[in-house]
């Protein structure tokens, strides 16, 4: 039996659905809507802000001006932000469009850019959003952890948890055969994005879990262009399944 694993769809719904069949089993690792294309500026934000505003925040991010960027992002990421209602409406529509077309049993995680409550509202009967938990498939225990801990570039986006909350989610899993998360463990080559030229950090709690529990595999996404797509961490093969929006490839895991 094969499990299909995908991360960072970022709006590439047609390309995903075209590779799915009703009898598939799918695990999605988060980041579903395309908030902004860093090259073209297209995406949800371009519908809620002017293109000049979107370009400005990308310039701030590129220059490392995190304070300026954080204040802008709060306008759509926080409930009291002036663009929060409009961006929420657009993201919810994207989620509904994606979920309505997925034909198979699917476990979904949410990533740092996701709005978890909107994703929950969009789910069909065969789709299940998992904040943290373990599912068993063909005798294989799979641990699922949604969200992201606070990291240098995650800011206060809706899918970001406190350090303590993320730690508790990871610790709640117990021993599993496969670990699935949105963010990588804190391993330098897995966390560094060679195109964005920045360290996405990853999670120390995930790394500690892997070292202690030694699952056979740890799957994740988040870093779109990692320095390394896989590393052996003790007995665990840690694998970035890639940014689906860019390569349109589904990772297959056989159980």
C-alpha atoms as a PDB file:
ATOM      1  CA  UNK A   1       0.000   0.000   0.000  1.00  0.00           C
ATOM      2  CA  UNK A   2       1.267   3.459  -0.884  1.00  0.00           C
ATOM      3  CA  UNK A   3       0.654   6.696   0.997  1.00  0.00           C
ATOM      4  CA  UNK A   4       0.856   9.914  -0.992  1.00  0.00           C
ATOM      5  CA  UNK A   5       2.534  12.760   0.915  1.00  0.00           C
ATOM      6  CA  UNK A   6       2.467  16.394  -0.238  1.00  0.00           C
ATOM      7  CA  UNK A   7       3.465  19.730   1.266  1.00  0.00           C
ATOM      8  CA  UNK A   8       3.276  23.405   0.353  1.00  0.00           C
ATOM      9  CA  UNK A   9       0.630  23.271  -2.358  1.00  0.00           C
ATOM     10  CA  UNK A  10       0.266  27.059  -2.325  1.00  0.00           C
ATOM     11  CA  UNK A  11      -2.658  27.173  -4.725  1.00  0.00           C
ATOM     12  CA  UNK A  12      -1.579  24.420  -7.153  1.00  0.00           C
ATOM     13  CA  UNK A  13      -4.894  22.593  -6.713  1.00  0.00           C
ATOM     14  CA  UNK A  14      -5.354  21.510 -10.345  1.00  0.00           C
ATOM     15  CA  UNK A  15      -1.924  19.894 -10.413  1.00  0.00           C
ATOM     16  CA  UNK A  16      -2.637  18.043  -7.167  1.00  0.00           C
ATOM     17  CA  UNK A  17      -6.121  16.776  -7.990  1.00  0.00           C
ATOM     18  CA  UNK A  18      -4.963  15.560 -11.399  1.00  0.00           C
ATOM     19  CA  UNK A  19      -2.699  13.033  -9.642  1.00  0.00           C
ATOM     20  CA  UNK A  20      -5.283  11.655  -7.197  1.00  0.00           C
ATOM     21  CA  UNK A  21      -7.752   8.764  -7.410  1.00  0.00           C
ATOM     22  CA  UNK A  22     -10.661   7.888  -5.093  1.00  0.00           C
ATOM     23  CA  UNK A  23      -8.849   4.900  -3.561  1.00  0.00           C
ATOM     24  CA  UNK A  24      -5.684   6.857  -2.708  1.00  0.00           C
ATOM     25  CA  UNK A  25      -4.582   7.690   0.829  1.00  0.00           C
ATOM     26  CA  UNK A  26      -3.177  11.200   1.112  1.00  0.00           C
ATOM     27  CA  UNK A  27      -1.325  13.124   3.817  1.00  0.00           C
ATOM     28  CA  UNK A  28      -1.012  16.878   3.319  1.00  0.00           C
ATOM     29  CA  UNK A  29       1.616  18.696   5.379  1.00  0.00           C
ATOM     30  CA  UNK A  30       0.250  22.243   5.220  1.00  0.00           C
ATOM     31  CA  UNK A  31       0.389  25.652   3.504  1.00  0.00           C
ATOM     32  CA  UNK A  32      -2.487  25.402   1.041  1.00  0.00           C
ATOM     33  CA  UNK A  33      -3.441  28.889  -0.156  1.00  0.00           C
ATOM     34  CA  UNK A  34      -1.009  31.014  -2.143  1.00  0.00           C
ATOM     35  CA  UNK A  35      -0.706  34.199  -0.112  1.00  0.00           C
ATOM     36  CA  UNK A  36       1.894  35.696  -2.437  1.00  0.00           C
ATOM     37  CA  UNK A  37       4.133  34.617  -5.298  1.00  0.00           C
ATOM     38  CA  UNK A  38       7.502  36.195  -4.531  1.00  0.00           C
ATOM     39  CA  UNK A  39       8.251  36.564  -8.254  1.00  0.00           C
ATOM     40  CA  UNK A  40       4.965  37.768  -9.778  1.00  0.00           C
ATOM     41  CA  UNK A  41       3.320  39.198  -6.614  1.00  0.00           C
ATOM     42  CA  UNK A  42       0.161  37.240  -7.506  1.00  0.00           C
ATOM     43  CA  UNK A  43      -1.892  35.579  -4.782  1.00  0.00           C
ATOM     44  CA  UNK A  44      -4.367  36.335  -2.035  1.00  0.00           C
ATOM     45  CA  UNK A  45      -2.515  39.392  -0.743  1.00  0.00           C
ATOM     46  CA  UNK A  46      -2.585  41.057  -4.164  1.00  0.00           C
ATOM     47  CA  UNK A  47      -6.388  40.911  -3.968  1.00  0.00           C
ATOM     48  CA  UNK A  48      -6.514  42.531  -0.523  1.00  0.00           C
ATOM     49  CA  UNK A  49      -3.662  45.058  -0.853  1.00  0.00           C
ATOM     50  CA  UNK A  50      -2.144  47.096  -3.653  1.00  0.00           C
ATOM     51  CA  UNK A  51       0.737  45.478  -5.518  1.00  0.00           C
ATOM     52  CA  UNK A  52       2.929  48.302  -4.240  1.00  0.00           C
ATOM     53  CA  UNK A  53       2.121  47.314  -0.664  1.00  0.00           C
ATOM     54  CA  UNK A  54       2.848  43.663  -1.380  1.00  0.00           C
ATOM     55  CA  UNK A  55       6.175  44.524  -3.012  1.00  0.00           C
ATOM     56  CA  UNK A  56       7.089  46.698  -0.052  1.00  0.00           C
ATOM     57  CA  UNK A  57       6.645  43.910   2.483  1.00  0.00           C
ATOM     58  CA  UNK A  58       8.676  41.528   0.313  1.00  0.00           C
ATOM     59  CA  UNK A  59      11.432  44.138   0.146  1.00  0.00           C
ATOM     60  CA  UNK A  60      11.364  44.395   3.933  1.00  0.00           C
ATOM     61  CA  UNK A  61      11.635  40.627   4.241  1.00  0.00           C
ATOM     62  CA  UNK A  62      14.511  40.514   1.756  1.00  0.00           C
ATOM     63  CA  UNK A  63      16.319  43.259   3.664  1.00  0.00           C
ATOM     64  CA  UNK A  64      15.773  41.538   6.995  1.00  0.00           C
ATOM     65  CA  UNK A  65      13.598  44.362   8.321  1.00  0.00           C
ATOM     66  CA  UNK A  66      11.467  42.016  10.393  1.00  0.00           C
ATOM     67  CA  UNK A  67       9.848  44.690  12.541  1.00  0.00           C
ATOM     68  CA  UNK A  68       8.343  46.459   9.538  1.00  0.00           C
ATOM     69  CA  UNK A  69       7.278  43.164   8.008  1.00  0.00           C
ATOM     70  CA  UNK A  70       5.700  41.961  11.263  1.00  0.00           C
ATOM     71  CA  UNK A  71       3.523  45.067  11.514  1.00  0.00           C
ATOM     72  CA  UNK A  72       2.327  44.632   7.937  1.00  0.00           C
ATOM     73  CA  UNK A  73       1.612  40.921   8.342  1.00  0.00           C
ATOM     74  CA  UNK A  74      -0.455  41.620  11.448  1.00  0.00           C
ATOM     75  CA  UNK A  75      -2.891  43.537   9.226  1.00  0.00           C
ATOM     76  CA  UNK A  76      -4.146  40.240   7.755  1.00  0.00           C
ATOM     77  CA  UNK A  77      -2.859  37.601  10.194  1.00  0.00           C
ATOM     78  CA  UNK A  78      -4.379  38.956  13.404  1.00  0.00           C
ATOM     79  CA  UNK A  79      -8.139  39.253  14.102  1.00  0.00           C
ATOM     80  CA  UNK A  80      -7.886  42.989  14.804  1.00  0.00           C
ATOM     81  CA  UNK A  81      -6.053  43.678  11.528  1.00  0.00           C
ATOM     82  CA  UNK A  82      -7.802  45.915   8.991  1.00  0.00           C
ATOM     83  CA  UNK A  83      -7.399  43.333   6.177  1.00  0.00           C
ATOM     84  CA  UNK A  84      -8.102  40.261   8.298  1.00  0.00           C
ATOM     85  CA  UNK A  85     -11.762  39.894   7.206  1.00  0.00           C
ATOM     86  CA  UNK A  86     -10.980  40.209   3.491  1.00  0.00           C
ATOM     87  CA  UNK A  87      -7.968  37.890   3.526  1.00  0.00           C
ATOM     88  CA  UNK A  88      -9.929  35.376   5.618  1.00  0.00           C
ATOM     89  CA  UNK A  89     -12.726  35.432   3.044  1.00  0.00           C
ATOM     90  CA  UNK A  90     -10.301  34.829   0.178  1.00  0.00           C
ATOM     91  CA  UNK A  91      -8.412  32.066   1.977  1.00  0.00           C
ATOM     92  CA  UNK A  92     -11.670  30.336   2.961  1.00  0.00           C
ATOM     93  CA  UNK A  93     -12.754  30.334  -0.680  1.00  0.00           C
ATOM     94  CA  UNK A  94      -9.423  28.759  -1.657  1.00  0.00           C
ATOM     95  CA  UNK A  95      -9.800  26.059   0.990  1.00  0.00           C
ATOM     96  CA  UNK A  96     -13.316  25.228  -0.169  1.00  0.00           C
ATOM     97  CA  UNK A  97     -12.139  24.993  -3.773  1.00  0.00           C
ATOM     98  CA  UNK A  98      -9.335  22.600  -2.826  1.00  0.00           C
ATOM     99  CA  UNK A  99     -11.281  20.414  -0.397  1.00  0.00           C
ATOM    100  CA  UNK A 100     -14.263  19.997  -2.707  1.00  0.00           C
ATOM    101  CA  UNK A 101     -12.010  18.444  -5.345  1.00  0.00           C
ATOM    102  CA  UNK A 102      -9.931  16.014  -3.289  1.00  0.00           C
ATOM    103  CA  UNK A 103     -11.460  12.588  -4.039  1.00  0.00           C
ATOM    104  CA  UNK A 104      -9.737  10.381  -1.472  1.00  0.00           C
ATOM    105  CA  UNK A 105      -9.253   9.813   2.241  1.00  0.00           C
ATOM    106  CA  UNK A 106      -6.950  12.597   3.399  1.00  0.00           C
ATOM    107  CA  UNK A 107      -5.261  13.623   6.629  1.00  0.00           C
ATOM    108  CA  UNK A 108      -4.377  17.309   6.657  1.00  0.00           C
ATOM    109  CA  UNK A 109      -1.906  19.223   8.779  1.00  0.00           C
ATOM    110  CA  UNK A 110      -1.900  22.992   8.795  1.00  0.00           C
ATOM    111  CA  UNK A 111       1.226  25.049   8.212  1.00  0.00           C
ATOM    112  CA  UNK A 112       2.351  28.429   9.476  1.00  0.00           C
ATOM    113  CA  UNK A 113       0.496  30.354   6.747  1.00  0.00           C
ATOM    114  CA  UNK A 114      -2.778  28.471   7.205  1.00  0.00           C
ATOM    115  CA  UNK A 115      -5.939  29.612   8.996  1.00  0.00           C
ATOM    116  CA  UNK A 116      -6.830  26.396  10.892  1.00  0.00           C
ATOM    117  CA  UNK A 117     -10.448  27.262  11.712  1.00  0.00           C
ATOM    118  CA  UNK A 118     -11.184  28.144   8.081  1.00  0.00           C
ATOM    119  CA  UNK A 119      -9.591  24.905   6.924  1.00  0.00           C
ATOM    120  CA  UNK A 120     -11.723  22.933   9.379  1.00  0.00           C
ATOM    121  CA  UNK A 121     -14.885  24.560   8.012  1.00  0.00           C
ATOM    122  CA  UNK A 122     -13.983  23.537   4.444  1.00  0.00           C
ATOM    123  CA  UNK A 123     -13.502  19.817   5.087  1.00  0.00           C
ATOM    124  CA  UNK A 124     -15.625  17.102   3.523  1.00  0.00           C
ATOM    125  CA  UNK A 125     -16.495  13.775   5.151  1.00  0.00           C
ATOM    126  CA  UNK A 126     -13.359  12.040   3.875  1.00  0.00           C
ATOM    127  CA  UNK A 127     -10.986  14.807   4.984  1.00  0.00           C
ATOM    128  CA  UNK A 128      -9.607  15.067   8.526  1.00  0.00           C
ATOM    129  CA  UNK A 129      -7.609  17.966   9.974  1.00  0.00           C
ATOM    130  CA  UNK A 130      -5.196  16.800  12.673  1.00  0.00           C
ATOM    131  CA  UNK A 131      -3.648  19.305  15.079  1.00  0.00           C
ATOM    132  CA  UNK A 132      -1.616  16.542  16.724  1.00  0.00           C
ATOM    133  CA  UNK A 133      -2.262  12.839  16.894  1.00  0.00           C
ATOM    134  CA  UNK A 134      -1.451   9.346  15.691  1.00  0.00           C
ATOM    135  CA  UNK A 135      -3.184   7.396  12.938  1.00  0.00           C
ATOM    136  CA  UNK A 136      -2.537   3.747  12.127  1.00  0.00           C
ATOM    137  CA  UNK A 137      -2.434   2.658   8.500  1.00  0.00           C
ATOM    138  CA  UNK A 138      -1.752  -0.968   7.565  1.00  0.00           C
ATOM    139  CA  UNK A 139      -0.181  -1.523  10.982  1.00  0.00           C
ATOM    140  CA  UNK A 140       2.070   1.536  10.672  1.00  0.00           C
ATOM    141  CA  UNK A 141       1.786   4.278  13.292  1.00  0.00           C
ATOM    142  CA  UNK A 142       2.023   7.773  11.820  1.00  0.00           C
ATOM    143  CA  UNK A 143       2.463  10.790  14.093  1.00  0.00           C
ATOM    144  CA  UNK A 144       1.029  14.066  12.798  1.00  0.00           C
ATOM    145  CA  UNK A 145       1.943  17.530  14.107  1.00  0.00           C
ATOM    146  CA  UNK A 146       0.389  20.686  12.663  1.00  0.00           C
ATOM    147  CA  UNK A 147       1.605  24.258  12.848  1.00  0.00           C
ATOM    148  CA  UNK A 148       4.989  25.784  13.532  1.00  0.00           C
ATOM    149  CA  UNK A 149       6.816  26.988  16.618  1.00  0.00           C
ATOM    150  CA  UNK A 150       7.999  30.607  16.677  1.00  0.00           C
ATOM    151  CA  UNK A 151      10.922  30.871  14.261  1.00  0.00           C
ATOM    152  CA  UNK A 152      12.782  33.825  12.789  1.00  0.00           C
ATOM    153  CA  UNK A 153      10.621  34.035   9.655  1.00  0.00           C
ATOM    154  CA  UNK A 154       7.255  32.671  10.801  1.00  0.00           C
ATOM    155  CA  UNK A 155       6.174  35.897  12.543  1.00  0.00           C
ATOM    156  CA  UNK A 156       2.661  35.773  14.043  1.00  0.00           C
ATOM    157  CA  UNK A 157       0.892  34.018  11.200  1.00  0.00           C
ATOM    158  CA  UNK A 158      -2.255  32.060  12.126  1.00  0.00           C
ATOM    159  CA  UNK A 159      -0.594  28.638  12.089  1.00  0.00           C
ATOM    160  CA  UNK A 160       2.185  29.612  14.518  1.00  0.00           C
ATOM    161  CA  UNK A 161       1.971  28.233  18.062  1.00  0.00           C
ATOM    162  CA  UNK A 162       3.804  29.150  21.225  1.00  0.00           C
ATOM    163  CA  UNK A 163       7.014  27.243  21.868  1.00  0.00           C
ATOM    164  CA  UNK A 164       5.342  25.434  24.762  1.00  0.00           C
ATOM    165  CA  UNK A 165       2.253  24.452  22.768  1.00  0.00           C
ATOM    166  CA  UNK A 166       4.360  23.062  19.925  1.00  0.00           C
ATOM    167  CA  UNK A 167       6.569  21.146  22.362  1.00  0.00           C
ATOM    168  CA  UNK A 168       3.501  19.603  23.983  1.00  0.00           C
ATOM    169  CA  UNK A 169       2.091  18.539  20.615  1.00  0.00           C
ATOM    170  CA  UNK A 170       5.289  16.744  19.691  1.00  0.00           C
ATOM    171  CA  UNK A 171       5.589  15.137  23.120  1.00  0.00           C
ATOM    172  CA  UNK A 172       1.997  13.860  22.968  1.00  0.00           C
ATOM    173  CA  UNK A 173       2.725  11.495  20.080  1.00  0.00           C
ATOM    174  CA  UNK A 174       4.605   8.744  21.837  1.00  0.00           C
ATOM    175  CA  UNK A 175       6.540   6.289  19.700  1.00  0.00           C
ATOM    176  CA  UNK A 176       5.564   6.113  16.011  1.00  0.00           C
ATOM    177  CA  UNK A 177       6.951   4.589  12.833  1.00  0.00           C
ATOM    178  CA  UNK A 178       6.597   7.748  10.723  1.00  0.00           C
ATOM    179  CA  UNK A 179       6.607  11.380  11.857  1.00  0.00           C
ATOM    180  CA  UNK A 180       4.845  13.995   9.714  1.00  0.00           C
ATOM    181  CA  UNK A 181       5.103  17.731  10.400  1.00  0.00           C
ATOM    182  CA  UNK A 182       4.995  20.970   8.474  1.00  0.00           C
ATOM    183  CA  UNK A 183       8.382  22.286   9.607  1.00  0.00           C
ATOM    184  CA  UNK A 184      11.700  20.423   9.594  1.00  0.00           C
ATOM    185  CA  UNK A 185      13.715  19.352  12.606  1.00  0.00           C
ATOM    186  CA  UNK A 186      16.498  21.752  13.505  1.00  0.00           C
ATOM    187  CA  UNK A 187      19.150  20.351  11.177  1.00  0.00           C
ATOM    188  CA  UNK A 188      21.148  23.053   9.390  1.00  0.00           C
ATOM    189  CA  UNK A 189      21.078  21.615   5.861  1.00  0.00           C
ATOM    190  CA  UNK A 190      17.365  20.824   6.067  1.00  0.00           C
ATOM    191  CA  UNK A 191      16.427  24.251   7.425  1.00  0.00           C
ATOM    192  CA  UNK A 192      18.460  26.539   5.149  1.00  0.00           C
ATOM    193  CA  UNK A 193      16.700  27.886   2.029  1.00  0.00           C
ATOM    194  CA  UNK A 194      19.282  28.439  -0.703  1.00  0.00           C
ATOM    195  CA  UNK A 195      17.029  30.685  -2.834  1.00  0.00           C
ATOM    196  CA  UNK A 196      15.674  32.886  -0.034  1.00  0.00           C
ATOM    197  CA  UNK A 197      19.194  32.776   1.464  1.00  0.00           C
ATOM    198  CA  UNK A 198      17.985  32.384   5.015  1.00  0.00           C
ATOM    199  CA  UNK A 199      17.923  29.909   7.863  1.00  0.00           C
ATOM    200  CA  UNK A 200      14.350  28.792   8.576  1.00  0.00           C
ATOM    201  CA  UNK A 201      15.656  27.263  11.824  1.00  0.00           C
ATOM    202  CA  UNK A 202      13.382  24.247  12.135  1.00  0.00           C
ATOM    203  CA  UNK A 203      12.208  22.797  15.431  1.00  0.00           C
ATOM    204  CA  UNK A 204      14.489  21.633  18.220  1.00  0.00           C
ATOM    205  CA  UNK A 205      11.533  19.757  19.714  1.00  0.00           C
ATOM    206  CA  UNK A 206      11.184  17.705  16.525  1.00  0.00           C
ATOM    207  CA  UNK A 207      14.912  16.984  16.520  1.00  0.00           C
ATOM    208  CA  UNK A 208      14.833  15.914  20.173  1.00  0.00           C
ATOM    209  CA  UNK A 209      11.837  13.679  19.466  1.00  0.00           C
ATOM    210  CA  UNK A 210      13.578  12.057  16.496  1.00  0.00           C
ATOM    211  CA  UNK A 211      16.726  11.394  18.515  1.00  0.00           C
ATOM    212  CA  UNK A 212      14.749   9.848  21.375  1.00  0.00           C
ATOM    213  CA  UNK A 213      11.998   7.947  19.553  1.00  0.00           C
ATOM    214  CA  UNK A 214      13.868   7.132  16.323  1.00  0.00           C
ATOM    215  CA  UNK A 215      10.970   6.787  13.879  1.00  0.00           C
ATOM    216  CA  UNK A 216      11.960   5.225  10.590  1.00  0.00           C
ATOM    217  CA  UNK A 217      11.037   8.354   8.641  1.00  0.00           C
ATOM    218  CA  UNK A 218      10.301  12.008   9.316  1.00  0.00           C
ATOM    219  CA  UNK A 219       8.489  13.870   6.537  1.00  0.00           C
ATOM    220  CA  UNK A 220       8.045  17.644   6.369  1.00  0.00           C
ATOM    221  CA  UNK A 221       8.006  20.652   4.037  1.00  0.00           C
ATOM    222  CA  UNK A 222       8.069  24.419   4.773  1.00  0.00           C
ATOM    223  CA  UNK A 223      11.557  25.071   3.338  1.00  0.00           C
ATOM    224  CA  UNK A 224      10.907  25.494  -0.381  1.00  0.00           C
ATOM    225  CA  UNK A 225      14.512  25.236  -1.613  1.00  0.00           C
ATOM    226  CA  UNK A 226      16.492  23.406   1.083  1.00  0.00           C
ATOM    227  CA  UNK A 227      20.231  22.975   0.998  1.00  0.00           C
ATOM    228  CA  UNK A 228      19.527  19.256   1.422  1.00  0.00           C
ATOM    229  CA  UNK A 229      16.257  17.407   0.859  1.00  0.00           C
ATOM    230  CA  UNK A 230      17.160  14.504   3.141  1.00  0.00           C
ATOM    231  CA  UNK A 231      19.485  13.656   5.986  1.00  0.00           C
ATOM    232  CA  UNK A 232      19.973  10.632   8.179  1.00  0.00           C
ATOM    233  CA  UNK A 233      19.392  11.567  11.826  1.00  0.00           C
ATOM    234  CA  UNK A 234      20.343   8.541  13.890  1.00  0.00           C
ATOM    235  CA  UNK A 235      18.060   5.769  12.615  1.00  0.00           C
ATOM    236  CA  UNK A 236      15.599   8.237  11.055  1.00  0.00           C
ATOM    237  CA  UNK A 237      15.534   9.271   7.409  1.00  0.00           C
ATOM    238  CA  UNK A 238      14.456  12.929   7.524  1.00  0.00           C
ATOM    239  CA  UNK A 239      12.935  13.961   4.182  1.00  0.00           C
ATOM    240  CA  UNK A 240      11.628  17.257   2.820  1.00  0.00           C
ATOM    241  CA  UNK A 241       8.922  16.164   0.359  1.00  0.00           C
ATOM    242  CA  UNK A 242       9.378  19.441  -1.523  1.00  0.00           C
ATOM    243  CA  UNK A 243       7.268  22.459  -2.379  1.00  0.00           C
ATOM    244  CA  UNK A 244       4.496  20.992  -4.528  1.00  0.00           C
ATOM    245  CA  UNK A 245       3.736  24.344  -6.142  1.00  0.00           C
ATOM    246  CA  UNK A 246       7.159  24.296  -7.787  1.00  0.00           C
ATOM    247  CA  UNK A 247       7.686  20.669  -8.818  1.00  0.00           C
ATOM    248  CA  UNK A 248       4.164  19.123  -8.885  1.00  0.00           C
ATOM    249  CA  UNK A 249       5.543  15.833  -7.572  1.00  0.00           C
ATOM    250  CA  UNK A 250       3.912  13.612  -4.955  1.00  0.00           C
ATOM    251  CA  UNK A 251       6.122  11.670  -2.560  1.00  0.00           C
ATOM    252  CA  UNK A 252       5.158   7.998  -2.271  1.00  0.00           C
ATOM    253  CA  UNK A 253       5.722   6.009   0.911  1.00  0.00           C
ATOM    254  CA  UNK A 254       5.066   2.266   0.852  1.00  0.00           C
ATOM    255  CA  UNK A 255       3.718   0.556   3.973  1.00  0.00           C
END
